């Protein structure tokens, strides 16, 4: 469970970084690819 929390925090940081360089549609594609 602790590991899961870290993963969520990492995803949040990744999401913030992606917003700087990607459009919403591009970000959605990347997030799907990462899953």
N, C-alpha and C. Protein backbone atom coordinates (compact mmCIF):
# COMPACT_ATOMS: atom_id res chain seq x y z
N UNK A 1 0.84 -1.21 0.00
CA UNK A 1 0.00 0.00 0.00
C UNK A 1 0.87 1.26 0.00
N UNK A 2 1.94 1.21 0.77
CA UNK A 2 2.87 2.35 0.83
C UNK A 2 3.46 2.63 -0.56
N UNK A 3 3.78 1.54 -1.25
CA UNK A 3 4.33 1.66 -2.60
C UNK A 3 3.34 2.36 -3.53
N UNK A 4 2.07 2.02 -3.38
CA UNK A 4 1.03 2.60 -4.21
C UNK A 4 0.97 4.12 -4.01
N UNK A 5 1.10 4.56 -2.79
CA UNK A 5 1.07 5.99 -2.49
C UNK A 5 2.22 6.70 -3.21
N UNK A 6 3.39 6.10 -3.17
CA UNK A 6 4.54 6.71 -3.87
C UNK A 6 4.25 6.80 -5.36
N UNK A 7 3.63 5.75 -5.90
CA UNK A 7 3.33 5.74 -7.33
C UNK A 7 2.39 6.89 -7.69
N UNK A 8 1.40 7.12 -6.85
CA UNK A 8 0.45 8.21 -7.11
C UNK A 8 1.16 9.56 -7.08
N UNK A 9 2.06 9.73 -6.13
CA UNK A 9 2.81 11.00 -6.06
C UNK A 9 3.66 11.18 -7.30
N UNK A 10 4.31 10.09 -7.76
CA UNK A 10 5.12 10.17 -8.97
C UNK A 10 4.25 10.55 -10.17
N UNK A 11 3.07 9.94 -10.26
CA UNK A 11 2.18 10.24 -11.38
C UNK A 11 1.77 11.71 -11.36
N UNK A 12 1.57 12.25 -10.17
CA UNK A 12 1.20 13.66 -10.06
C UNK A 12 2.31 14.55 -10.58
N UNK A 13 3.55 14.21 -10.22
CA UNK A 13 4.70 15.00 -10.69
C UNK A 13 4.86 14.87 -12.20
N UNK A 14 4.68 13.65 -12.70
CA UNK A 14 4.77 13.43 -14.14
C UNK A 14 3.70 14.25 -14.85
N UNK A 15 2.49 14.23 -14.28
CA UNK A 15 1.38 14.97 -14.89
C UNK A 15 1.70 16.45 -14.97
N UNK A 16 2.25 17.00 -13.91
CA UNK A 16 2.61 18.42 -13.90
C UNK A 16 3.65 18.72 -14.97
N UNK A 17 4.63 17.84 -15.10
CA UNK A 17 5.68 18.05 -16.09
C UNK A 17 5.12 17.96 -17.51
N UNK A 18 4.25 16.99 -17.72
CA UNK A 18 3.67 16.82 -19.06
C UNK A 18 2.85 18.03 -19.47
N UNK A 19 2.17 18.64 -18.52
CA UNK A 19 1.34 19.80 -18.86
C UNK A 19 2.18 20.94 -19.43
N UNK A 20 3.45 20.97 -19.07
CA UNK A 20 4.31 22.04 -19.58
C UNK A 20 4.65 21.85 -21.05
N UNK A 21 4.61 20.61 -21.52
CA UNK A 21 5.11 20.35 -22.87
C UNK A 21 4.09 19.69 -23.81
N UNK A 22 2.97 19.23 -23.26
CA UNK A 22 2.02 18.50 -24.10
C UNK A 22 0.64 19.13 -24.08
N UNK A 23 -0.08 18.95 -25.17
CA UNK A 23 -1.49 19.33 -25.17
C UNK A 23 -2.27 18.27 -24.38
N UNK A 24 -3.50 18.55 -24.07
CA UNK A 24 -4.32 17.60 -23.30
C UNK A 24 -4.44 16.26 -24.02
N UNK A 25 -4.63 16.28 -25.31
CA UNK A 25 -4.80 15.03 -26.05
C UNK A 25 -3.50 14.23 -26.08
N UNK A 26 -2.38 14.93 -26.26
CA UNK A 26 -1.09 14.24 -26.26
C UNK A 26 -0.81 13.63 -24.90
N UNK A 27 -1.14 14.36 -23.83
CA UNK A 27 -0.92 13.85 -22.48
C UNK A 27 -1.76 12.60 -22.24
N UNK A 28 -2.99 12.61 -22.72
CA UNK A 28 -3.87 11.45 -22.56
C UNK A 28 -3.26 10.23 -23.24
N UNK A 29 -2.69 10.42 -24.41
CA UNK A 29 -2.05 9.31 -25.13
C UNK A 29 -0.87 8.77 -24.34
N UNK A 30 -0.06 9.66 -23.78
CA UNK A 30 1.11 9.25 -23.00
C UNK A 30 0.67 8.48 -21.75
N UNK A 31 -0.32 8.99 -21.05
CA UNK A 31 -0.78 8.32 -19.83
C UNK A 31 -1.32 6.93 -20.15
N UNK A 32 -2.01 6.78 -21.29
CA UNK A 32 -2.50 5.45 -21.69
C UNK A 32 -1.32 4.54 -21.98
N UNK A 33 -0.29 5.07 -22.61
CA UNK A 33 0.87 4.26 -22.96
C UNK A 33 1.62 3.80 -21.71
N UNK A 34 1.63 4.63 -20.68
CA UNK A 34 2.36 4.29 -19.46
C UNK A 34 1.66 3.23 -18.62
N UNK A 35 0.35 3.07 -18.81
CA UNK A 35 -0.40 2.13 -17.97
C UNK A 35 -0.17 0.69 -18.35
